[in-house]
Protein backbone atom coordinates (compact mmCIF):
# COMPACT_ATOMS: atom_id res chain seq x y z
CA MET A 1 2.28 65.59 -22.57
CA ASN A 2 3.59 63.84 -19.49
CA PHE A 3 2.76 60.14 -19.07
CA SER A 4 2.25 58.67 -15.61
CA TYR A 5 2.20 54.94 -14.92
CA GLU A 6 0.06 55.47 -11.87
CA GLU A 7 -2.60 57.37 -13.83
CA ALA A 8 -2.56 54.73 -16.57
CA TYR A 9 -3.27 51.92 -14.12
CA LEU A 10 -5.76 53.70 -11.87
CA ASP A 11 -8.73 52.16 -13.71
CA ILE A 12 -7.29 48.64 -13.77
CA GLU A 13 -8.84 46.30 -11.23
CA GLU A 14 -6.23 44.51 -9.19
CA PRO A 15 -6.20 40.69 -9.23
CA CYS A 16 -7.50 38.76 -6.26
CA SER A 17 -5.07 38.12 -3.47
CA ALA A 18 -4.99 34.40 -2.76
CA GLN A 19 -2.92 34.83 0.38
CA VAL A 20 -4.35 33.78 3.73
CA ASN A 21 -5.13 36.61 6.12
CA PRO A 22 -1.78 37.51 7.77
CA LYS A 23 -3.34 37.57 11.26
CA VAL A 24 -4.87 34.11 10.80
CA GLN A 25 -1.62 32.79 9.36
CA HIS A 26 0.33 34.25 12.31
CA VAL A 27 -1.99 32.59 14.85
CA LEU A 28 -1.77 29.25 13.04
CA GLN A 29 2.01 29.27 12.72
CA VAL A 30 2.92 30.69 16.12
CA TYR A 31 0.31 29.09 18.37
CA VAL A 32 -1.58 26.21 16.72
CA TYR A 33 1.35 24.64 14.88
CA SER A 34 3.60 25.09 17.92
CA ILE A 35 1.18 23.17 20.15
CA ILE A 36 0.80 20.44 17.52
CA CYS A 37 4.58 20.10 17.11
CA ILE A 38 5.29 20.00 20.85
CA LEU A 39 2.56 17.48 21.69
CA GLY A 40 3.32 15.39 18.62
CA PHE A 41 7.03 15.34 19.40
CA ILE A 42 6.51 14.31 23.04
CA GLY A 43 3.92 11.62 22.32
CA ASN A 44 5.75 9.99 19.42
CA THR A 45 9.12 10.22 21.21
CA LEU A 46 7.62 8.26 24.10
CA VAL A 47 6.43 5.61 21.64
CA ILE A 48 9.90 5.29 20.11
CA ILE A 49 11.58 5.17 23.55
CA THR A 50 9.15 2.47 24.63
CA TYR A 51 9.97 0.27 21.65
CA ALA A 52 13.70 1.00 21.94
CA PHE A 53 14.18 0.23 25.65
CA TYR A 54 11.06 -1.38 27.14
CA LYS A 55 9.07 -3.29 24.56
CA ARG A 56 10.29 -5.41 21.68
CA THR A 57 8.53 -5.38 18.34
CA LYS A 58 6.94 -8.82 18.60
CA SER A 59 4.09 -8.40 16.12
CA MET A 60 3.31 -6.75 12.82
CA THR A 61 1.26 -4.09 14.61
CA ASP A 62 4.29 -3.18 16.73
CA VAL A 63 6.38 -2.64 13.61
CA TYR A 64 3.65 -0.50 12.04
CA LEU A 65 3.20 1.56 15.22
CA LEU A 66 6.93 2.21 15.42
CA ASN A 67 7.02 3.39 11.82
CA VAL A 68 3.95 5.59 12.33
CA ALA A 69 5.71 7.23 15.28
CA ILE A 70 8.84 7.79 13.17
CA ALA A 71 6.78 9.32 10.36
CA ASP A 72 4.90 11.60 12.75
CA ILE A 73 8.00 12.77 14.58
CA LEU A 74 9.78 13.59 11.31
CA PHE A 75 6.65 15.47 10.27
CA VAL A 76 6.54 17.61 13.43
CA VAL A 77 10.28 18.31 13.13
CA ALA A 78 10.04 19.37 9.47
CA LEU A 79 6.99 21.62 10.00
CA PRO A 80 8.64 24.28 12.23
CA LEU A 81 11.72 24.28 10.00
CA ILE A 82 9.46 25.01 7.01
CA ILE A 83 7.72 27.83 8.88
CA PHE A 84 11.06 29.32 9.95
CA SER A 85 12.38 29.13 6.38
CA GLU A 86 9.23 30.78 5.02
CA GLN A 87 9.60 33.68 7.42
CA ASN A 88 13.24 34.15 6.42
CA GLY A 89 12.85 33.93 2.64
CA TRP A 90 14.30 30.42 2.37
CA ALA A 91 17.77 31.81 2.99
CA LEU A 92 19.43 28.38 2.61
CA GLY A 93 18.37 28.19 -1.03
CA THR A 94 16.55 25.73 -3.26
CA TRP A 95 18.06 22.62 -1.67
CA SER A 96 16.41 23.38 1.68
CA CYS A 97 13.14 24.08 -0.12
CA LYS A 98 13.18 20.70 -1.86
CA LEU A 99 14.46 18.75 1.14
CA LEU A 100 12.10 20.11 3.79
CA ARG A 101 9.03 20.03 1.56
CA GLY A 102 9.97 16.55 0.34
CA ILE A 103 10.39 15.15 3.87
CA TYR A 104 7.11 16.79 4.83
CA SER A 105 5.31 15.13 1.90
CA ILE A 106 6.88 11.68 2.37
CA ASN A 107 5.92 11.45 6.02
CA LEU A 108 2.43 12.76 5.33
CA TYR A 109 1.77 9.94 2.84
CA SER A 110 3.62 7.25 4.78
CA GLY A 111 1.93 7.98 8.09
CA ILE A 112 -1.59 7.65 6.68
CA LEU A 113 -0.77 4.57 4.58
CA LEU A 114 0.72 2.89 7.66
CA LEU A 115 -2.55 3.49 9.52
CA ALA A 116 -4.27 1.56 6.73
CA CYS A 117 -1.74 -1.25 7.23
CA ILE A 118 -2.60 -1.35 10.94
CA SER A 119 -6.28 -1.76 10.10
CA LEU A 120 -5.43 -4.63 7.74
CA ASP A 121 -3.35 -6.29 10.44
CA ARG A 122 -6.19 -5.94 12.98
CA TYR A 123 -8.56 -7.45 10.42
CA MET A 124 -6.27 -10.44 9.91
CA ALA A 125 -5.69 -10.86 13.67
CA ILE A 126 -9.37 -10.70 14.71
CA VAL A 127 -11.53 -11.62 11.73
CA GLN A 128 -9.14 -14.11 10.10
CA ALA A 129 -7.48 -15.23 13.34
CA ARG A 130 -7.24 -18.95 12.57
CA ARG A 131 -5.97 -18.54 9.05
CA SER A 132 -3.46 -15.81 9.80
CA PHE A 133 -2.02 -17.00 13.13
CA ARG A 134 0.95 -18.88 11.70
CA LEU A 135 1.58 -16.26 9.05
CA ARG A 136 1.59 -13.37 11.52
CA SER A 137 3.65 -15.19 14.16
CA ARG A 138 6.37 -16.61 11.93
CA THR A 139 6.85 -14.00 9.25
CA LEU A 140 7.57 -10.77 11.13
CA ILE A 141 10.01 -9.93 8.37
CA TYR A 142 7.04 -9.32 6.08
CA SER A 143 6.00 -6.34 8.20
CA TYR A 144 9.40 -4.74 7.64
CA LEU A 145 9.08 -5.32 3.91
CA ILE A 146 5.60 -3.82 3.89
CA CYS A 147 6.88 -0.76 5.77
CA ALA A 148 9.71 -0.41 3.25
CA VAL A 149 7.18 -0.53 0.41
CA VAL A 150 5.04 2.12 2.14
CA TRP A 151 8.01 4.45 2.59
CA PHE A 152 8.98 3.90 -1.04
CA MET A 153 5.42 4.72 -2.16
CA GLY A 154 5.58 7.89 -0.07
CA PHE A 155 8.79 8.84 -1.88
CA ILE A 156 7.31 8.12 -5.32
CA LEU A 157 4.20 10.16 -4.54
CA SER A 158 6.44 12.99 -3.34
CA LEU A 159 8.59 13.08 -6.49
CA PRO A 160 6.74 16.13 -7.91
CA THR A 161 7.79 18.01 -4.79
CA PHE A 162 11.45 17.08 -5.20
CA VAL A 163 11.42 17.82 -8.93
CA TYR A 164 9.27 20.93 -9.29
CA TYR A 165 9.61 22.79 -6.00
CA GLN A 166 11.90 25.80 -6.36
CA ARG A 167 12.93 28.87 -4.44
CA TYR A 168 12.00 31.86 -6.54
CA LYS A 169 10.93 35.46 -6.22
CA HIS A 170 7.20 36.08 -6.08
CA ASN A 171 6.22 38.57 -8.80
CA GLY A 172 4.28 40.76 -6.39
CA LEU A 173 0.95 40.59 -8.21
CA GLY A 174 -0.82 39.31 -5.13
CA VAL A 175 -2.22 36.32 -7.00
CA ASP A 176 -1.94 32.71 -6.00
CA ILE A 177 1.70 31.66 -6.26
CA SER A 178 0.69 28.01 -6.70
CA PHE A 179 1.85 26.16 -9.79
CA TYR A 180 3.39 29.07 -11.67
CA SER A 181 5.18 28.46 -14.92
CA SER A 182 8.65 29.95 -15.13
CA SER A 183 7.38 32.72 -17.42
CA ASP A 184 5.13 34.02 -14.63
CA VAL A 185 7.76 34.55 -11.95
CA THR A 186 11.12 36.22 -11.65
CA ASP A 187 14.14 33.99 -11.38
CA ASN A 188 16.41 34.87 -8.50
CA THR A 189 19.44 34.40 -10.73
CA THR A 190 18.42 36.68 -13.62
CA GLU A 191 18.73 40.39 -12.94
CA GLU A 192 17.11 41.40 -16.25
CA HIS A 193 13.90 39.57 -15.38
CA GLU A 194 13.91 41.15 -11.97
CA GLN A 195 14.01 44.60 -13.55
CA LEU A 196 11.33 43.84 -16.13
CA GLN A 197 8.81 42.16 -13.86
CA THR A 198 8.44 44.59 -10.97
CA PRO A 199 4.82 45.75 -11.13
CA SER A 200 4.89 46.57 -7.41
CA ALA A 201 6.96 49.60 -8.33
CA LEU A 202 4.35 50.71 -10.89
CA LEU A 203 0.99 49.83 -9.39
CA PRO A 204 -0.11 51.09 -6.00
CA GLY A 205 -1.26 48.48 -3.49
CA PHE A 206 0.82 45.61 -4.83
CA GLU A 207 2.87 43.63 -2.34
CA GLU A 208 6.64 43.74 -2.45
CA GLU A 209 8.47 40.84 -4.01
CA GLN A 210 9.50 38.02 -1.69
CA TYR A 211 11.16 34.66 -2.02
CA VAL A 212 8.83 31.68 -1.83
CA CYS A 213 9.15 27.91 -2.07
CA PHE A 214 6.53 26.36 -4.29
CA PHE A 215 5.90 24.58 -7.58
CA LEU A 216 7.58 26.12 -10.61
CA PHE A 217 7.17 24.72 -14.12
CA LYS A 218 8.77 25.47 -17.47
CA ASP A 219 5.51 25.60 -19.43
CA ASN A 220 1.83 26.18 -18.78
CA THR A 221 0.78 22.73 -20.04
CA THR A 222 2.83 20.96 -17.38
CA ALA A 223 1.55 23.42 -14.79
CA GLN A 224 -2.08 22.70 -15.65
CA HIS A 225 -1.59 18.92 -15.54
CA MET A 226 0.31 18.96 -12.26
CA LYS A 227 -2.15 21.38 -10.73
CA VAL A 228 -4.77 18.64 -11.03
CA LEU A 229 -2.53 15.58 -10.57
CA VAL A 230 -0.85 16.56 -7.29
CA PRO A 231 -3.98 17.32 -5.21
CA SER A 232 -5.83 14.42 -6.85
CA SER A 233 -3.15 11.90 -5.84
CA GLN A 234 -3.04 13.42 -2.38
CA MET A 235 -6.80 12.97 -1.96
CA ALA A 236 -7.01 9.54 -3.62
CA LEU A 237 -3.97 7.83 -2.07
CA GLY A 238 -3.54 10.00 1.00
CA PHE A 239 -7.12 9.87 2.23
CA PHE A 240 -9.85 8.05 0.28
CA LEU A 241 -7.95 4.78 -0.28
CA PRO A 242 -6.83 4.50 3.40
CA LEU A 243 -10.36 5.47 4.45
CA LEU A 244 -11.88 2.67 2.34
CA ILE A 245 -9.39 0.13 3.73
CA MET A 246 -9.97 1.26 7.31
CA GLY A 247 -13.75 1.34 6.81
CA PHE A 248 -13.89 -2.21 5.46
CA CYS A 249 -11.43 -3.72 7.94
CA TYR A 250 -12.76 -2.05 11.06
CA SER A 251 -16.40 -2.71 10.13
CA GLN A 252 -15.56 -6.43 9.92
CA VAL A 253 -13.65 -6.18 13.19
CA VAL A 254 -16.64 -4.56 14.94
CA PHE A 255 -19.00 -7.18 13.51
CA THR A 256 -16.73 -9.97 14.78
CA LEU A 257 -16.31 -8.42 18.22
CA LEU A 258 -20.06 -7.95 18.67
CA HIS A 259 -20.58 -11.68 18.10
CA ALA A 260 -17.72 -12.66 20.40
CA LYS A 261 -18.42 -13.89 23.94
CA ASN A 262 -16.08 -11.57 25.72
CA PHE A 263 -16.88 -9.11 28.50
CA GLN A 264 -14.37 -6.59 27.04
CA ARG A 265 -15.88 -6.60 23.56
CA HIS A 266 -17.77 -3.33 24.05
CA LYS A 267 -14.59 -1.55 25.11
CA ALA A 268 -12.79 -2.90 22.05
CA VAL A 269 -15.64 -1.75 19.80
CA ARG A 270 -15.49 1.75 21.29
CA VAL A 271 -11.76 1.90 20.65
CA VAL A 272 -12.22 0.87 17.00
CA LEU A 273 -14.99 3.39 16.44
CA THR A 274 -12.93 6.13 18.08
CA VAL A 275 -9.99 5.41 15.77
CA VAL A 276 -12.15 5.66 12.65
CA LEU A 277 -14.13 8.71 13.76
CA VAL A 278 -11.03 10.65 14.77
CA PHE A 279 -9.39 9.87 11.43
CA ILE A 280 -12.47 11.09 9.55
CA ALA A 281 -12.90 14.18 11.75
CA CYS A 282 -9.26 15.24 11.24
CA HIS A 283 -8.81 14.55 7.53
CA LEU A 284 -12.25 14.75 5.90
CA PRO A 285 -12.73 18.57 6.18
CA TYR A 286 -9.37 19.35 4.56
CA ASN A 287 -9.84 16.84 1.75
CA MET A 288 -13.34 18.13 1.02
CA ALA A 289 -11.99 21.69 0.84
CA LEU A 290 -9.13 20.50 -1.38
CA LEU A 291 -11.59 18.65 -3.63
CA TYR A 292 -13.73 21.78 -4.03
CA ASP A 293 -10.65 23.89 -4.80
CA THR A 294 -9.42 21.37 -7.39
CA ILE A 295 -12.80 21.19 -9.16
CA THR A 296 -13.26 24.96 -9.34
CA MET A 297 -9.66 26.01 -9.95
CA PHE A 298 -10.19 26.76 -13.66
CA SER A 299 -13.53 28.52 -13.27
CA LEU A 300 -14.04 32.21 -12.65
CA LYS A 301 -14.75 33.02 -9.01
CA GLU A 302 -15.36 36.11 -6.97
CA CYS A 303 -12.44 37.35 -4.89
CA SER A 304 -14.42 36.76 -1.71
CA ASP A 305 -15.07 33.13 -2.65
CA ASP A 306 -11.40 32.51 -3.41
CA THR A 307 -10.32 34.17 -0.16
CA THR A 308 -12.80 32.04 1.79
CA THR A 309 -11.50 28.88 0.10
CA ARG A 310 -7.90 29.71 1.07
CA LEU A 311 -8.95 30.39 4.64
CA VAL A 312 -10.89 27.12 4.90
CA LEU A 313 -7.92 25.20 3.44
CA ALA A 314 -5.55 26.73 6.01
CA LEU A 315 -7.85 26.00 8.96
CA THR A 316 -8.74 22.45 7.94
CA GLU A 317 -5.10 21.68 7.15
CA SER A 318 -4.17 22.53 10.75
CA LEU A 319 -6.92 20.15 11.88
CA ALA A 320 -5.37 17.40 9.74
CA TYR A 321 -1.98 18.10 11.35
CA LEU A 322 -3.55 17.50 14.76
CA HIS A 323 -3.92 13.81 13.94
CA CYS A 324 -0.19 13.22 14.44
CA CYS A 325 -0.65 14.18 18.13
CA LEU A 326 -3.56 11.77 18.55
CA ASN A 327 -1.92 8.73 16.94
CA PRO A 328 0.07 7.77 20.08
CA LEU A 329 -3.07 8.04 22.21
CA LEU A 330 -5.27 6.06 19.81
CA TYR A 331 -2.90 3.33 18.70
CA ALA A 332 -0.33 2.95 21.48
CA PHE A 333 -1.31 4.23 24.90
CA VAL A 334 -4.85 2.84 24.66
CA GLY A 335 -3.39 -0.65 25.22
CA VAL A 336 -2.84 -1.87 28.78
CA ASN A 337 0.69 -3.16 28.11
CA PHE A 338 1.74 0.07 26.47
CA ARG A 339 0.36 2.11 29.36
CA ASN A 340 2.36 -0.03 31.76
CA HIS A 341 5.51 0.60 29.75
CA PHE A 342 4.75 4.32 29.72
CA ARG A 343 4.33 4.29 33.50
CA LYS A 344 7.68 2.53 33.76
CA ILE A 345 9.29 5.29 31.68
CA VAL A 346 7.92 7.96 34.03
CA GLU A 347 9.11 6.03 37.10
CA ASP A 348 12.58 5.50 35.65
CA ALA A 349 12.83 9.15 34.65
CA TRP A 350 11.83 10.20 38.18
CA CYS A 351 14.36 7.83 39.79
CA LEU A 352 17.04 9.01 37.37
CA GLY A 353 16.33 12.61 38.31
CA LYS A 354 16.57 11.81 42.04
CA ARG A 355 19.84 9.95 41.48
CA TYR A 356 21.23 12.87 39.52
CA ILE A 357 20.33 15.36 42.27
CA GLY A 358 21.69 13.06 44.96
CA ALA A 359 24.91 12.51 43.02
CA ARG A 360 25.35 16.27 42.57
CA ARG A 361 24.92 16.85 46.31
CA SER A 362 27.29 14.00 47.15
CA SER A 363 29.83 15.29 44.66
CA ARG A 364 29.59 18.80 46.13
CA ALA A 365 30.08 17.49 49.71
CA THR A 366 33.04 15.41 48.64
CA SER A 367 34.54 18.37 46.84
CA ASP A 368 34.21 20.56 49.97
CA GLY A 369 35.85 17.86 52.10
CA TYR A 370 38.60 17.52 49.54
CA LEU A 371 39.31 21.25 49.57
CA SER A 372 39.38 21.37 53.37
CA SER A 373 41.81 18.44 53.46
CA ARG A 374 43.98 20.21 50.93
CA ARG A 375 44.07 23.25 53.16
CA SER A 376 45.03 21.18 56.23
CA VAL A 377 47.63 19.00 54.57
CA GLU A 378 49.70 21.18 52.27
CA GLY A 379 51.29 19.38 49.40
CA ALA A 380 49.85 15.97 50.37
CA PRO A 381 48.44 14.08 47.33
CA SER A 382 44.74 13.29 47.55
CA GLU A 383 42.26 11.51 45.32
CA ASN A 384 38.56 12.21 44.85
CA ALA A 385 37.13 8.77 45.50
CA THR A 386 33.50 9.74 44.96
CA SER A 387 32.64 10.15 41.30
CA PHE A 388 29.43 10.99 39.50
CA THR A 389 27.48 7.75 39.25
CA MET A 390 24.02 6.69 38.08
């Protein structure tokens, strides 16, 4: 009697595919993420240029804003590199997987924690103005130390990414590749395992194996613990703690401004409320979806529910990424002085462009005159006196 693998597995129900819809993923990566990266790169580059050439870091807020811009620009540079590597099977190997994902994680944590530091500084400057004036004016070095601590915390919180992220071959089962133990995936260095664990060749409908970059653990116990620890730390320290700090500080700031006798107080209150509301609107949906996924990860769910959860996570994550484009507008360009510096950058860039065009034309005219003189005076030495100048 002949035995067929296909007939044996016809009655087996395939596992749920936890992958995001390819069309949705394509739209997010090609269009949405591209817009976010371009706008985020331009806005944060202008902030860095302003601090480098036009405005000195004279206060703690300036130091925090500069570091936020650095974190955001590193984030928008790492994101397209990650997408490119995903589409090409992480061809550069495990080191690129760890490095890119690690940089991505560090800047994600650091950027949000620095926003909390800005709210604390605004609280000290407005609510505790008398007590903190000398401290904030004479100890600018403290802001650099605080930023160093924030970056170090971002690195510590990203250690699981550096340690456990690996480039490995997806086993083709169509299930969620997140937090596999090493017994569940095929190692790209072991040919025997690759031959044994190839269900896509046996079962119809299974996806072909592909290289991925994600968490990989040696045992299931570690996988289960980290599967809860990583998203929990991301939600607690990457959203809820900064939200509590910002909520307390900015509520006190608004209360103080409303009791101040200043004709610009209402504008300042609107700015503060805009900062808080935009932060909540960008990050709350993703963290709520992540919280739901973390709570229900060990319970049985319908395939449709799991697919919906993955789709919601992908969409809300792109909304959270959008915040890096809005940071320059909310924290930097909303100030009059910063807008003046930005206008100066545009004017200087325009003048530089006109000088460059004029110099090219002048250089071309001089070159033509030089050639004609060479034709008229054969063998006579000549020197191009007009050089390219700015």
